[in-house]
N, C-alpha and C. Protein backbone atom coordinates (compact mmCIF):
# COMPACT_ATOMS: atom_id res chain seq x y z
N UNK A 1 1.34 -4.81 7.50
CA UNK A 1 0.08 -5.40 7.85
C UNK A 1 0.05 -5.68 9.35
N UNK A 2 -1.01 -5.31 9.98
CA UNK A 2 -1.17 -5.59 11.40
C UNK A 2 -2.37 -6.54 11.53
N UNK A 3 -2.14 -7.64 12.16
CA UNK A 3 -3.18 -8.66 12.35
C UNK A 3 -4.15 -8.26 13.45
N UNK A 4 -5.14 -9.06 13.61
CA UNK A 4 -6.16 -8.87 14.65
C UNK A 4 -5.61 -9.50 15.94
N UNK A 5 -5.71 -8.78 17.07
CA UNK A 5 -5.22 -9.35 18.33
C UNK A 5 -5.94 -10.67 18.64
N UNK A 6 -5.22 -11.54 19.35
CA UNK A 6 -5.82 -12.83 19.73
C UNK A 6 -7.03 -12.62 20.65
N UNK A 7 -6.97 -11.57 21.48
CA UNK A 7 -8.08 -11.21 22.37
C UNK A 7 -8.35 -9.73 22.22
N UNK A 8 -9.62 -9.35 22.25
CA UNK A 8 -9.97 -7.93 22.18
C UNK A 8 -10.14 -7.30 23.55
N UNK A 9 -10.41 -8.13 24.55
CA UNK A 9 -10.56 -7.63 25.93
C UNK A 9 -9.60 -8.36 26.83
N UNK A 10 -8.91 -7.61 27.69
CA UNK A 10 -7.94 -8.19 28.59
C UNK A 10 -8.22 -7.81 30.03
N UNK A 11 -8.01 -8.73 30.93
CA UNK A 11 -8.08 -8.43 32.34
C UNK A 11 -6.77 -7.76 32.76
N UNK A 12 -6.76 -7.00 33.85
CA UNK A 12 -5.51 -6.39 34.31
C UNK A 12 -4.39 -7.43 34.44
N UNK A 13 -3.22 -7.14 33.83
CA UNK A 13 -2.08 -8.04 33.88
C UNK A 13 -2.09 -9.12 32.80
N UNK A 14 -3.19 -9.26 32.10
CA UNK A 14 -3.30 -10.30 31.04
C UNK A 14 -2.60 -9.79 29.75
N UNK A 15 -2.10 -10.69 28.95
CA UNK A 15 -1.44 -10.31 27.69
C UNK A 15 -2.14 -10.97 26.52
N UNK A 16 -1.79 -10.50 25.34
CA UNK A 16 -2.28 -11.08 24.10
C UNK A 16 -1.19 -10.95 23.05
N UNK A 17 -1.39 -11.59 21.93
CA UNK A 17 -0.43 -11.50 20.84
C UNK A 17 -1.03 -10.83 19.62
N UNK A 18 -0.15 -10.28 18.80
CA UNK A 18 -0.57 -9.64 17.57
C UNK A 18 0.52 -9.86 16.53
N UNK A 19 0.14 -10.03 15.29
CA UNK A 19 1.10 -10.24 14.20
C UNK A 19 1.28 -8.97 13.40
N UNK A 20 2.54 -8.61 13.18
CA UNK A 20 2.87 -7.45 12.37
C UNK A 20 3.82 -7.93 11.28
N UNK A 21 3.49 -7.59 10.02
CA UNK A 21 4.35 -8.01 8.88
C UNK A 21 4.44 -6.84 7.91
N UNK A 22 5.62 -6.69 7.25
CA UNK A 22 5.77 -5.64 6.25
C UNK A 22 4.92 -5.92 5.02
N UNK A 23 4.58 -4.86 4.30
CA UNK A 23 3.81 -4.98 3.07
C UNK A 23 4.66 -5.71 2.03
N UNK A 24 4.01 -6.43 1.15
CA UNK A 24 4.73 -7.07 0.04
C UNK A 24 5.12 -6.01 -0.99
N UNK A 25 6.23 -6.24 -1.67
CA UNK A 25 6.66 -5.38 -2.73
C UNK A 25 7.48 -4.17 -2.32
N UNK A 26 7.91 -4.12 -1.06
CA UNK A 26 8.74 -3.00 -0.61
C UNK A 26 10.12 -3.06 -1.22
N UNK A 27 10.72 -1.90 -1.44
CA UNK A 27 12.07 -1.82 -1.95
C UNK A 27 13.09 -2.32 -0.90
N UNK A 28 14.25 -2.74 -1.37
CA UNK A 28 15.29 -3.19 -0.46
C UNK A 28 15.72 -2.01 0.38
N UNK A 29 15.56 -2.10 1.70
CA UNK A 29 15.90 -0.97 2.59
C UNK A 29 15.66 -1.38 4.04
N UNK A 30 16.10 -0.49 4.95
CA UNK A 30 15.76 -0.61 6.38
C UNK A 30 14.51 0.21 6.64
N UNK A 31 13.59 -0.32 7.42
CA UNK A 31 12.33 0.36 7.70
C UNK A 31 12.10 0.43 9.20
N UNK A 32 11.41 1.47 9.64
CA UNK A 32 10.96 1.58 11.02
C UNK A 32 9.50 2.02 11.01
N UNK A 33 8.78 1.64 12.05
CA UNK A 33 7.38 2.04 12.20
C UNK A 33 7.09 2.08 13.69
N UNK A 34 6.00 2.69 14.04
CA UNK A 34 5.57 2.74 15.43
C UNK A 34 4.21 2.04 15.53
N UNK A 35 4.14 1.06 16.40
CA UNK A 35 2.88 0.36 16.67
C UNK A 35 2.27 0.99 17.92
N UNK A 36 1.07 1.48 17.81
CA UNK A 36 0.37 2.09 18.94
C UNK A 36 -0.86 1.25 19.25
N UNK A 37 -0.99 0.88 20.52
CA UNK A 37 -2.17 0.14 20.99
C UNK A 37 -2.86 1.06 21.97
N UNK A 38 -4.15 1.31 21.72
CA UNK A 38 -4.88 2.20 22.62
C UNK A 38 -6.16 1.52 23.13
N UNK A 39 -6.67 2.06 24.20
CA UNK A 39 -7.89 1.49 24.79
C UNK A 39 -9.00 2.51 24.77
N UNK A 40 -10.19 2.08 25.12
CA UNK A 40 -11.30 3.00 25.20
C UNK A 40 -11.30 3.79 26.52
N UNK A 41 -10.22 3.64 27.31
CA UNK A 41 -10.05 4.38 28.57
C UNK A 41 -8.95 5.43 28.44
N UNK A 42 -8.63 5.83 27.22
CA UNK A 42 -7.63 6.85 26.94
C UNK A 42 -6.22 6.50 27.40
N UNK A 43 -5.91 5.19 27.39
CA UNK A 43 -4.53 4.79 27.65
C UNK A 43 -3.99 4.19 26.37
N UNK A 44 -2.65 4.31 26.21
CA UNK A 44 -2.04 3.74 25.04
C UNK A 44 -0.61 3.34 25.32
N UNK A 45 -0.13 2.44 24.50
CA UNK A 45 1.28 2.01 24.59
C UNK A 45 1.84 2.00 23.18
N UNK A 46 3.11 2.35 23.07
CA UNK A 46 3.78 2.37 21.77
C UNK A 46 5.05 1.59 21.81
N UNK A 47 5.41 1.02 20.67
CA UNK A 47 6.70 0.36 20.53
C UNK A 47 7.18 0.59 19.10
N UNK A 48 8.49 0.72 18.95
CA UNK A 48 9.07 0.92 17.63
C UNK A 48 9.36 -0.43 17.01
N UNK A 49 9.02 -0.55 15.75
CA UNK A 49 9.27 -1.77 15.00
C UNK A 49 10.35 -1.49 13.97
N UNK A 50 11.28 -2.40 13.79
CA UNK A 50 12.33 -2.24 12.80
C UNK A 50 12.46 -3.54 12.00
N UNK A 51 12.61 -3.40 10.70
CA UNK A 51 12.88 -4.56 9.87
C UNK A 51 13.64 -4.16 8.63
N UNK A 52 14.25 -5.17 8.01
CA UNK A 52 15.09 -4.96 6.83
C UNK A 52 14.54 -5.81 5.70
N UNK A 53 14.34 -5.19 4.55
CA UNK A 53 13.93 -5.96 3.34
C UNK A 53 15.21 -6.24 2.58
N UNK A 54 15.55 -7.55 2.42
CA UNK A 54 16.74 -7.97 1.73
C UNK A 54 16.39 -8.72 0.44
N UNK A 55 17.37 -8.88 -0.41
CA UNK A 55 17.18 -9.62 -1.66
C UNK A 55 16.85 -11.08 -1.35
N UNK A 56 16.03 -11.67 -2.18
CA UNK A 56 15.66 -13.07 -2.04
C UNK A 56 16.83 -13.94 -2.43
N UNK A 57 17.37 -14.70 -1.50
CA UNK A 57 18.51 -15.57 -1.81
C UNK A 57 18.07 -16.95 -2.22
N UNK A 58 16.78 -17.24 -2.19
CA UNK A 58 16.25 -18.50 -2.63
C UNK A 58 15.26 -18.27 -3.77
N UNK A 59 15.77 -18.24 -5.01
CA UNK A 59 14.86 -17.98 -6.13
C UNK A 59 13.81 -19.09 -6.23
N UNK A 60 12.66 -18.73 -6.75
CA UNK A 60 11.58 -19.72 -6.85
C UNK A 60 11.99 -20.86 -7.79
N UNK A 61 11.50 -22.06 -7.46
CA UNK A 61 11.76 -23.20 -8.31
C UNK A 61 10.66 -23.31 -9.36
N UNK A 62 10.98 -23.95 -10.47
CA UNK A 62 9.99 -24.13 -11.51
C UNK A 62 10.62 -24.06 -12.87
N UNK A 63 9.80 -23.97 -13.86
CA UNK A 63 10.31 -23.93 -15.22
C UNK A 63 9.41 -23.00 -16.05
N UNK A 64 9.92 -22.64 -17.20
CA UNK A 64 9.12 -21.85 -18.12
C UNK A 64 9.00 -22.61 -19.43
N UNK A 65 8.00 -22.36 -20.17
CA UNK A 65 7.81 -23.00 -21.46
C UNK A 65 8.03 -21.96 -22.54
N UNK A 66 8.95 -22.27 -23.44
CA UNK A 66 9.25 -21.38 -24.56
C UNK A 66 8.61 -21.96 -25.82
N UNK A 67 7.78 -21.20 -26.49
CA UNK A 67 7.12 -21.71 -27.71
C UNK A 67 8.14 -22.13 -28.74
N UNK A 68 7.80 -23.15 -29.51
CA UNK A 68 8.69 -23.70 -30.54
C UNK A 68 9.17 -22.62 -31.52
N UNK A 69 8.29 -21.72 -31.93
CA UNK A 69 8.68 -20.68 -32.87
C UNK A 69 9.77 -19.78 -32.26
N UNK A 70 9.65 -19.46 -30.97
CA UNK A 70 10.66 -18.63 -30.33
C UNK A 70 12.00 -19.36 -30.27
N UNK A 71 11.98 -20.67 -30.04
CA UNK A 71 13.23 -21.44 -30.02
C UNK A 71 13.88 -21.46 -31.41
N UNK A 72 13.10 -21.56 -32.45
CA UNK A 72 13.63 -21.54 -33.80
C UNK A 72 14.28 -20.19 -34.12
N UNK A 73 13.63 -19.12 -33.73
CA UNK A 73 14.18 -17.77 -33.97
C UNK A 73 15.48 -17.60 -33.18
N UNK A 74 15.49 -18.03 -31.93
CA UNK A 74 16.68 -17.94 -31.11
C UNK A 74 17.84 -18.75 -31.71
N UNK A 75 17.51 -19.95 -32.15
CA UNK A 75 18.54 -20.81 -32.77
C UNK A 75 19.13 -20.14 -34.01
N UNK A 76 18.28 -19.57 -34.86
CA UNK A 76 18.74 -18.91 -36.07
C UNK A 76 19.62 -17.71 -35.71
N UNK A 77 19.26 -16.97 -34.70
CA UNK A 77 20.05 -15.80 -34.28
C UNK A 77 21.42 -16.26 -33.78
N UNK A 78 21.47 -17.34 -33.01
CA UNK A 78 22.73 -17.82 -32.48
C UNK A 78 23.64 -18.33 -33.60
N UNK A 79 23.05 -18.95 -34.59
CA UNK A 79 23.83 -19.45 -35.74
C UNK A 79 24.45 -18.28 -36.48
N UNK A 80 23.70 -17.20 -36.66
CA UNK A 80 24.26 -16.02 -37.34
C UNK A 80 25.42 -15.40 -36.55
N UNK A 81 25.27 -15.37 -35.22
CA UNK A 81 26.31 -14.77 -34.39
C UNK A 81 27.56 -15.64 -34.43
N UNK A 82 27.41 -16.97 -34.44
CA UNK A 82 28.57 -17.85 -34.42
C UNK A 82 29.33 -17.81 -35.77
N UNK A 83 28.69 -17.40 -36.85
CA UNK A 83 29.33 -17.30 -38.16
C UNK A 83 30.17 -16.04 -38.28
N UNK A 84 29.89 -15.04 -37.43
CA UNK A 84 30.58 -13.75 -37.55
C UNK A 84 31.96 -13.80 -36.96
């Protein structure tokens, strides 16, 4: 994802910022991309972007609710396994 520049028009020597972020749902891997900025005066600048998608080491917090019937079935299955 490439965000909208903070400024659309710049004076000579002036700078602006832009946000670049990888897409959600990418596979674990190293990625590269080229960001190209061009003007209406046929000038452009390029830079290579590199990032790594790694496994989430902070699993989300929260809880799940298991229906009573599912708990009863699980309990019965565990009792059968423990008798064997």
